[in-house]
């Protein structure tokens, strides 16, 4: 399906909170649609970019311990015990398939604390600017819509069946931000070279304090755990490049970005400053009306126009900017003659927008396909999760049968 360039933009605009929290190459697209699942659809786009070898999706061990060369502050202690990542993943998936909300978490406090510290250590061991080979699935905002995250994996493949790059905004607004971020971190720990999580503007103490994640942590766990999550957020990588041709970031561009080394040199862990390079990468937006830079209605960072986009692509020999950060009706929207695409992956956002959710699947030869999640109301969502559980169980049974047959 082709997206109308005049698609209405979200009126639900994130703005910087009024006060700080308490201390603590050219693309040529040919569209088609195809769907094997009634709740999904696919739109395909082609590019003449050169082929690149994909990364493999090999499974890691079930039990996970911190890397021996993890960068830690002086007061950090490496967890002495390993945690059973597979078991935690299964518990989290069971919650998701139930499509029910529970105040209690399916993870013990000591497991949660260890998982967060292990995640922080792993993230700090990987570059601030991630360089990836296709194939990879690129995912936009999720915002605590946990059942929709399960639907996304059911549609596009559970790790390690597919490689993933998420563009940030995992928490806030949705009622199951904890389950959402925990499942993503578990998959990151289990498949560290095939599953990547970038930082969004909501992965920040200031923003989560206002838009819901802080309150969810306080209600379902405690403030100490929220602070640990903030430490993890401060450790997330900032941007990624796929096959040297697709630049991926949560928000957009910055007038302070003069070379890719500027991103590589960002020292983590780091809170999001009020202005500057990191702030812009997480907060800026493209504009149909701006030619270069203009003020942003969010009250933070900038909007950038077509001259900025064209100059950026020319300077770094990129073909496409892939970003998130904005609700779009069909789940994806092209800008500036299809040199920039916005991806939003939370369908029926906040139960109000009736928007599709989308992911962009980049094949080994850089064919880009948009896979769509239909918006569902609560009753339809429960039915879909029941079907999803059956499909997942059948997949696992088939995998076990295949494994046993090869022994």
Protein backbone atom coordinates (compact mmCIF):
# COMPACT_ATOMS: atom_id res chain seq x y z
CA UNK A 1 0.00 0.00 0.00
CA UNK A 2 1.23 3.47 -0.82
CA UNK A 3 1.14 6.02 1.90
CA UNK A 4 -0.35 9.39 1.08
CA UNK A 5 2.26 12.05 1.68
CA UNK A 6 -0.45 14.10 3.37
CA UNK A 7 -1.15 11.50 6.05
CA UNK A 8 -2.21 13.23 9.23
CA UNK A 9 0.51 13.50 11.81
CA UNK A 10 -0.03 12.76 15.43
CA UNK A 11 -1.60 15.38 17.66
CA UNK A 12 -0.19 13.51 20.63
CA UNK A 13 3.17 15.25 20.64
CA UNK A 14 5.82 14.45 23.22
CA UNK A 15 7.12 17.59 24.81
CA UNK A 16 10.02 18.04 27.16
CA UNK A 17 8.67 17.97 30.72
CA UNK A 18 8.45 21.44 32.23
CA UNK A 19 10.75 20.64 35.13
CA UNK A 20 13.50 18.10 35.81
CA UNK A 21 12.79 15.03 37.89
CA UNK A 22 14.01 14.61 41.45
CA UNK A 23 17.71 13.73 41.65
CA UNK A 24 18.43 10.24 41.30
CA UNK A 25 22.12 4.97 -2.59
CA UNK A 26 18.94 6.12 -4.50
CA UNK A 27 15.89 4.08 -3.72
CA UNK A 28 13.42 2.92 -6.36
CA UNK A 29 10.28 1.57 -4.72
CA UNK A 30 7.74 -0.85 -6.24
CA UNK A 31 4.73 -1.43 -4.00
CA UNK A 32 2.70 -4.62 -3.56
CA UNK A 33 0.67 -6.19 -0.77
CA UNK A 34 0.54 -9.70 0.56
CA UNK A 35 -0.82 -11.17 3.74
CA UNK A 36 -0.87 -14.67 5.18
CA UNK A 37 -2.23 -13.52 8.53
CA UNK A 38 -5.53 -11.60 8.69
CA UNK A 39 -4.03 -9.18 11.18
CA UNK A 40 -0.99 -8.34 9.02
CA UNK A 41 -0.12 -6.99 5.57
CA UNK A 42 3.08 -6.43 3.59
CA UNK A 43 4.22 -3.59 1.31
CA UNK A 44 7.41 -4.22 -0.69
CA UNK A 45 10.04 -1.77 -1.90
CA UNK A 46 13.20 -2.46 -3.94
CA UNK A 47 16.61 -0.81 -4.10
CA UNK A 48 19.64 -1.25 -6.37
CA UNK A 49 22.14 -1.13 -3.53
CA UNK A 50 24.91 -3.71 -3.40
CA UNK A 51 24.43 -7.05 -1.69
CA UNK A 52 25.93 -7.54 1.74
CA UNK A 53 26.34 -10.71 3.77
CA UNK A 54 23.83 -11.14 6.58
CA UNK A 55 24.71 -11.70 10.16
CA UNK A 56 23.90 -15.12 11.53
CA UNK A 57 21.30 -15.74 14.18
CA UNK A 58 22.99 -18.32 16.34
CA UNK A 59 21.55 -18.98 19.76
CA UNK A 60 23.52 -18.25 22.88
CA UNK A 61 23.54 -20.24 26.08
CA UNK A 62 20.54 -20.20 28.35
CA UNK A 63 22.40 -18.96 31.39
CA UNK A 64 24.00 -15.55 31.00
CA UNK A 65 26.82 -13.95 32.94
CA UNK A 66 28.38 -10.52 32.58
CA UNK A 67 31.20 -10.17 29.98
CA UNK A 68 34.60 -10.27 31.65
CA UNK A 69 35.62 -6.90 30.19
CA UNK A 70 32.41 -5.05 31.01
CA UNK A 71 32.90 -1.37 31.78
CA UNK A 72 31.55 -0.70 35.23
CA UNK A 73 31.71 2.13 37.68
CA UNK A 74 33.69 1.61 40.86
CA UNK A 75 30.63 0.94 42.99
CA UNK A 76 29.16 -1.69 40.62
CA UNK A 77 29.37 -5.37 41.50
CA UNK A 78 29.21 -7.99 38.80
CA UNK A 79 26.42 -10.45 39.65
CA UNK A 80 27.96 -13.60 41.06
CA UNK A 81 25.15 -15.83 39.78
CA UNK A 82 23.87 -16.51 36.32
CA UNK A 83 20.20 -16.15 35.51
CA UNK A 84 18.07 -18.45 33.39
CA UNK A 85 17.20 -16.19 30.47
CA UNK A 86 15.14 -18.85 28.68
CA UNK A 87 12.97 -19.38 31.72
CA UNK A 88 12.41 -15.65 32.18
CA UNK A 89 11.53 -15.28 28.49
CA UNK A 90 8.97 -18.08 28.77
CA UNK A 91 7.40 -16.49 31.83
CA UNK A 92 7.18 -13.16 30.07
CA UNK A 93 5.69 -14.72 26.93
CA UNK A 94 3.06 -16.50 29.01
CA UNK A 95 1.98 -13.13 30.38
CA UNK A 96 1.83 -11.70 26.87
CA UNK A 97 -0.22 -14.55 25.44
CA UNK A 98 -2.74 -14.23 28.24
CA UNK A 99 -3.48 -10.63 27.12
CA UNK A 100 -4.14 -9.90 30.77
CA UNK A 101 -2.65 -7.27 33.02
CA UNK A 102 -1.27 -8.27 36.39
CA UNK A 103 0.22 -5.99 39.01
CA UNK A 104 2.81 -8.63 39.89
CA UNK A 105 5.78 -9.31 37.63
CA UNK A 106 6.75 -12.85 36.55
CA UNK A 107 10.32 -12.23 37.68
CA UNK A 108 11.85 -12.21 41.14
CA UNK A 109 13.44 -9.02 42.48
CA UNK A 110 16.95 -10.51 42.55
CA UNK A 111 16.54 -11.80 38.98
CA UNK A 112 15.33 -8.39 37.86
CA UNK A 113 18.26 -6.60 39.44
CA UNK A 114 20.78 -9.01 37.92
CA UNK A 115 19.13 -8.81 34.51
CA UNK A 116 19.38 -5.03 34.51
CA UNK A 117 23.03 -5.01 35.56
CA UNK A 118 23.94 -7.63 32.96
CA UNK A 119 22.10 -5.61 30.31
CA UNK A 120 23.93 -2.44 31.25
CA UNK A 121 27.32 -4.17 31.10
CA UNK A 122 26.58 -5.72 27.70
CA UNK A 123 25.29 -2.47 26.20
CA UNK A 124 28.37 -0.57 27.33
CA UNK A 125 30.56 -3.21 25.69
CA UNK A 126 29.01 -2.52 22.29
CA UNK A 127 29.58 0.61 20.17
CA UNK A 128 27.56 3.79 20.45
CA UNK A 129 27.16 3.68 16.66
CA UNK A 130 26.18 0.15 15.63
CA UNK A 131 27.21 -1.10 12.17
CA UNK A 132 24.99 -3.93 10.90
CA UNK A 133 24.76 -6.23 7.90
CA UNK A 134 21.36 -7.24 6.53
CA UNK A 135 19.04 -9.04 6.76
CA UNK A 136 17.47 -7.16 9.63
CA UNK A 137 13.99 -6.10 10.77
CA UNK A 138 13.76 -2.47 11.90
CA UNK A 139 11.15 -1.61 14.51
CA UNK A 140 9.86 1.78 15.63
CA UNK A 141 8.14 2.93 18.83
CA UNK A 142 6.51 0.22 20.95
CA UNK A 143 5.54 2.24 24.04
CA UNK A 144 4.60 -0.49 26.46
CA UNK A 145 2.05 -2.16 24.16
CA UNK A 146 3.22 -5.60 25.16
CA UNK A 147 0.61 -7.73 23.40
CA UNK A 148 1.39 -5.89 20.17
CA UNK A 149 5.09 -6.63 20.66
CA UNK A 150 4.23 -10.34 20.85
CA UNK A 151 2.11 -9.95 17.69
CA UNK A 152 5.10 -8.31 16.00
CA UNK A 153 7.36 -11.25 16.78
CA UNK A 154 4.63 -13.69 15.74
CA UNK A 155 4.38 -11.87 12.40
CA UNK A 156 8.07 -11.33 11.66
CA UNK A 157 9.76 -14.16 13.52
CA UNK A 158 10.80 -14.67 17.09
CA UNK A 159 14.53 -14.30 17.74
CA UNK A 160 16.73 -15.87 16.47
CA UNK A 161 14.57 -16.54 13.41
CA UNK A 162 15.01 -12.87 12.48
CA UNK A 163 17.62 -10.24 13.34
CA UNK A 164 16.19 -7.07 14.87
CA UNK A 165 17.04 -3.40 15.29
CA UNK A 166 14.68 -1.43 17.52
CA UNK A 167 14.74 2.37 17.28
CA UNK A 168 13.75 3.21 20.85
CA UNK A 169 10.74 4.28 22.90
CA UNK A 170 10.03 1.00 24.59
CA UNK A 171 8.35 2.42 27.66
CA UNK A 172 5.77 5.03 28.76
CA UNK A 173 2.12 5.47 27.76
CA UNK A 174 1.32 1.74 27.42
CA UNK A 175 0.29 -0.12 30.56
CA UNK A 176 2.87 -2.93 30.27
CA UNK A 177 6.13 -1.08 29.82
CA UNK A 178 7.89 -3.36 32.29
CA UNK A 179 7.08 -6.57 30.44
CA UNK A 180 7.97 -4.87 27.15
CA UNK A 181 11.42 -3.66 28.14
CA UNK A 182 12.21 -6.84 30.08
CA UNK A 183 11.45 -9.12 27.13
CA UNK A 184 13.56 -6.93 24.84
CA UNK A 185 16.47 -6.95 27.28
CA UNK A 186 16.22 -10.73 27.65
CA UNK A 187 16.45 -11.16 23.89
CA UNK A 188 19.39 -8.74 23.84
CA UNK A 189 21.21 -10.82 26.42
CA UNK A 190 20.42 -14.11 24.69
CA UNK A 191 21.29 -12.93 21.14
CA UNK A 192 23.72 -10.02 21.68
CA UNK A 193 25.00 -9.93 18.07
CA UNK A 194 21.61 -10.31 16.39
CA UNK A 195 19.27 -8.18 18.48
CA UNK A 196 19.91 -4.46 18.90
CA UNK A 197 18.18 -1.76 20.90
CA UNK A 198 18.77 1.94 20.22
CA UNK A 199 17.86 4.68 22.63
CA UNK A 200 14.69 6.70 22.20
CA UNK A 201 13.78 10.03 23.77
CA UNK A 202 11.65 8.14 26.32
CA UNK A 203 14.64 6.17 27.58
CA UNK A 204 15.49 8.98 29.93
CA UNK A 205 14.89 9.73 33.60
CA UNK A 206 13.25 13.08 32.94
CA UNK A 207 10.73 11.75 30.41
CA UNK A 208 9.85 8.49 32.14
CA UNK A 209 9.23 10.45 35.33
CA UNK A 210 6.38 12.27 33.58
CA UNK A 211 4.93 9.89 30.96
CA UNK A 212 4.24 6.79 33.04
CA UNK A 213 7.19 4.43 33.42
CA UNK A 214 8.28 5.83 36.76
CA UNK A 215 4.77 5.41 38.15
CA UNK A 216 4.56 1.86 36.78
CA UNK A 217 7.86 0.91 38.41
CA UNK A 218 6.77 2.46 41.70
CA UNK A 219 3.40 0.69 41.60
CA UNK A 220 4.58 -2.74 40.47
CA UNK A 221 8.10 -2.83 41.92
CA UNK A 222 9.95 0.08 43.52
CA UNK A 223 11.79 3.31 42.78
CA UNK A 224 15.17 1.59 43.14
CA UNK A 225 14.33 -0.60 40.15
CA UNK A 226 13.33 2.50 38.16
CA UNK A 227 16.75 3.95 38.89
CA UNK A 228 18.39 0.76 37.67
CA UNK A 229 16.37 0.98 34.48
CA UNK A 230 17.56 4.56 34.02
CA UNK A 231 21.15 3.31 34.33
CA UNK A 232 20.39 0.85 31.52
CA UNK A 233 18.74 3.57 29.41
CA UNK A 234 21.81 5.77 29.83
CA UNK A 235 23.88 2.91 28.35
CA UNK A 236 21.89 2.29 25.16
CA UNK A 237 23.63 2.85 21.78
CA UNK A 238 22.41 5.93 19.92
CA UNK A 239 22.39 5.15 16.19
CA UNK A 240 23.03 2.39 13.65
CA UNK A 241 24.09 2.05 10.01
CA UNK A 242 22.86 -0.89 7.90
CA UNK A 243 25.14 -2.00 5.02
CA UNK A 244 26.75 1.48 4.98
CA UNK A 245 23.58 2.75 3.25
CA UNK A 246 20.77 3.17 5.80
CA UNK A 247 21.22 5.51 8.75
CA UNK A 248 18.99 4.60 11.68
CA UNK A 249 18.19 6.73 14.70
CA UNK A 250 15.20 7.40 16.90
CA UNK A 251 14.58 11.08 16.22
CA UNK A 252 16.56 12.65 13.43
CA UNK A 253 19.49 14.84 12.45
CA UNK A 254 21.44 17.53 14.27
CA UNK A 255 23.25 20.71 13.26
CA UNK A 256 25.97 19.52 15.65
CA UNK A 257 26.62 16.35 13.63
CA UNK A 258 29.66 16.97 11.44
CA UNK A 259 31.03 13.43 11.19
CA UNK A 260 29.97 9.92 12.23
CA UNK A 261 32.84 10.05 14.69
CA UNK A 262 30.79 12.58 16.67
CA UNK A 263 28.35 9.78 17.47
CA UNK A 264 31.05 7.22 18.15
CA UNK A 265 32.66 9.61 20.63
CA UNK A 266 29.56 9.99 22.79
CA UNK A 267 30.63 8.59 26.13
CA UNK A 268 28.12 6.37 27.89
CA UNK A 269 26.52 6.06 30.36
CA UNK A 270 25.01 9.50 29.77
CA UNK A 271 21.75 11.22 30.60
CA UNK A 272 20.08 13.14 27.78
CA UNK A 273 21.19 16.80 27.90
CA UNK A 274 18.84 19.72 27.33
CA UNK A 275 20.43 20.52 23.96
CA UNK A 276 23.21 19.37 21.64
CA UNK A 277 23.99 16.31 19.53
CA UNK A 278 22.48 13.56 21.64
CA UNK A 279 19.35 15.57 22.34
CA UNK A 280 18.82 16.21 18.62
CA UNK A 281 19.39 12.60 17.59
CA UNK A 282 16.61 11.55 19.96
CA UNK A 283 14.19 14.48 19.60
CA UNK A 284 14.40 16.17 16.16
CA UNK A 285 11.76 15.75 13.43
CA UNK A 286 11.60 16.13 9.63
CA UNK A 287 9.43 18.95 8.31
CA UNK A 288 7.56 19.39 5.03
CA UNK A 289 7.68 23.16 5.40
CA UNK A 290 11.26 23.74 6.56
CA UNK A 291 14.08 24.15 4.07
CA UNK A 292 16.85 23.76 6.58
CA UNK A 293 16.39 24.12 10.36
CA UNK A 294 13.45 25.54 12.28
CA UNK A 295 12.02 25.45 15.79
CA UNK A 296 10.28 22.27 16.89
CA UNK A 297 6.72 22.40 18.26
CA UNK A 298 7.77 19.90 20.89
CA UNK A 299 9.69 22.70 22.56
CA UNK A 300 12.97 20.83 22.25
CA UNK A 301 15.54 20.34 19.46
CA UNK A 302 14.73 21.22 15.83
CA UNK A 303 12.75 20.35 12.74
CA UNK A 304 14.88 19.80 9.64
CA UNK A 305 13.98 20.22 5.97
CA UNK A 306 14.86 18.71 2.64
CA UNK A 307 18.16 20.57 2.19
CA UNK A 308 19.41 19.14 5.49
CA UNK A 309 18.35 15.63 4.50
CA UNK A 310 19.89 15.87 1.02
CA UNK A 311 23.16 17.30 2.33
CA UNK A 312 23.41 14.58 4.98
CA UNK A 313 22.80 11.74 2.52
CA UNK A 314 25.29 13.18 0.03
CA UNK A 315 27.99 13.78 2.63
CA UNK A 316 27.91 10.25 4.06
CA UNK A 317 26.83 8.40 0.88
CA UNK A 318 23.72 7.06 2.56
CA UNK A 319 20.54 6.22 0.64
CA UNK A 320 17.97 6.41 3.38
CA UNK A 321 17.36 7.80 6.85
CA UNK A 322 15.21 5.48 8.94
CA UNK A 323 13.71 6.95 12.11
CA UNK A 324 10.75 6.61 14.47
CA UNK A 325 9.48 9.10 17.08
CA UNK A 326 6.18 10.01 15.40
CA UNK A 327 2.77 8.37 15.03
CA UNK A 328 1.90 7.84 11.34
CA UNK A 329 -1.44 6.48 10.21
CA UNK A 330 -0.18 3.56 8.10
CA UNK A 331 2.73 2.66 10.37
CA UNK A 332 5.30 4.09 7.97
CA UNK A 333 5.60 7.34 6.05
CA UNK A 334 8.09 8.57 3.44
CA UNK A 335 9.49 12.10 3.32
CA UNK A 336 11.55 14.09 0.84
CA UNK A 337 11.11 11.88 -2.25
CA UNK A 338 11.50 8.74 -0.17
CA UNK A 339 14.92 9.51 1.23
CA UNK A 340 13.60 9.40 4.79
CA UNK A 341 11.09 7.03 6.34
CA UNK A 342 9.32 7.19 9.68
CA UNK A 343 8.42 3.85 11.25
CA UNK A 344 5.92 3.51 14.09
CA UNK A 345 5.27 0.03 15.45
CA UNK A 346 2.53 0.46 18.07
CA UNK A 347 -0.87 -0.16 16.37
CA UNK A 348 -3.97 1.55 17.74
CA UNK A 349 -1.60 3.76 19.73
CA UNK A 350 -2.90 4.41 23.22
CA UNK A 351 -6.24 2.94 22.11
CA UNK A 352 -7.03 6.23 20.36
CA UNK A 353 -5.37 6.58 16.95
CA UNK A 354 -6.55 3.52 14.96
CA UNK A 355 -3.14 3.53 13.24
CA UNK A 356 -1.30 0.54 11.82
CA UNK A 357 1.99 -0.57 13.30
CA UNK A 358 4.86 -1.27 10.90
CA UNK A 359 8.32 -2.72 10.73
CA UNK A 360 10.79 -2.38 7.85
CA UNK A 361 12.39 -5.66 6.78
CA UNK A 362 15.73 -5.18 5.01
CA UNK A 363 16.81 -8.24 3.00
CA UNK A 364 20.38 -9.30 2.25
CA UNK A 365 20.26 -7.46 -1.11
CA UNK A 366 18.68 -4.40 0.53
CA UNK A 367 15.12 -5.05 -0.58
CA UNK A 368 12.94 -3.20 1.90
CA UNK A 369 9.54 -4.60 2.82
CA UNK A 370 7.05 -3.05 5.22
CA UNK A 371 5.15 -5.54 7.35
CA UNK A 372 2.02 -4.16 8.99
CA UNK A 373 0.09 -4.88 12.16
CA UNK A 374 -3.59 -3.99 12.01
CA UNK A 375 -5.09 -1.97 14.87
CA UNK A 376 -7.23 -4.19 17.10
CA UNK A 377 -9.62 -3.39 19.92
CA UNK A 378 -9.24 -5.19 23.25
CA UNK A 379 -11.52 -8.12 22.44
CA UNK A 380 -9.99 -8.71 19.00
CA UNK A 381 -6.55 -8.47 20.59
CA UNK A 382 -7.35 -11.21 23.10
CA UNK A 383 -8.54 -13.51 20.30
CA UNK A 384 -5.42 -12.76 18.26
CA UNK A 385 -3.15 -13.54 21.23
CA UNK A 386 -4.90 -16.89 21.69
CA UNK A 387 -4.18 -17.73 18.02
CA UNK A 388 -0.62 -16.48 18.43
CA UNK A 389 -0.02 -18.81 21.37
CA UNK A 390 -1.21 -21.80 19.30
CA UNK A 391 1.07 -20.83 16.40
CA UNK A 392 4.03 -20.41 18.73
CA UNK A 393 3.44 -23.77 20.42
CA UNK A 394 3.21 -25.48 17.02
CA UNK A 395 6.45 -23.82 15.90
CA UNK A 396 8.22 -25.02 19.03
CA UNK A 397 6.82 -28.53 18.60
CA UNK A 398 8.03 -28.63 14.98
CA UNK A 399 11.46 -27.41 16.08
CA UNK A 400 11.69 -30.09 18.77
CA UNK A 401 10.61 -32.80 16.32
CA UNK A 402 13.26 -31.65 13.84
CA UNK A 403 15.93 -31.61 16.55
CA UNK A 404 15.04 -35.07 17.80
CA UNK A 405 15.01 -36.42 14.24
CA UNK A 406 18.58 -35.23 13.69
CA UNK A 407 19.95 -36.90 16.80
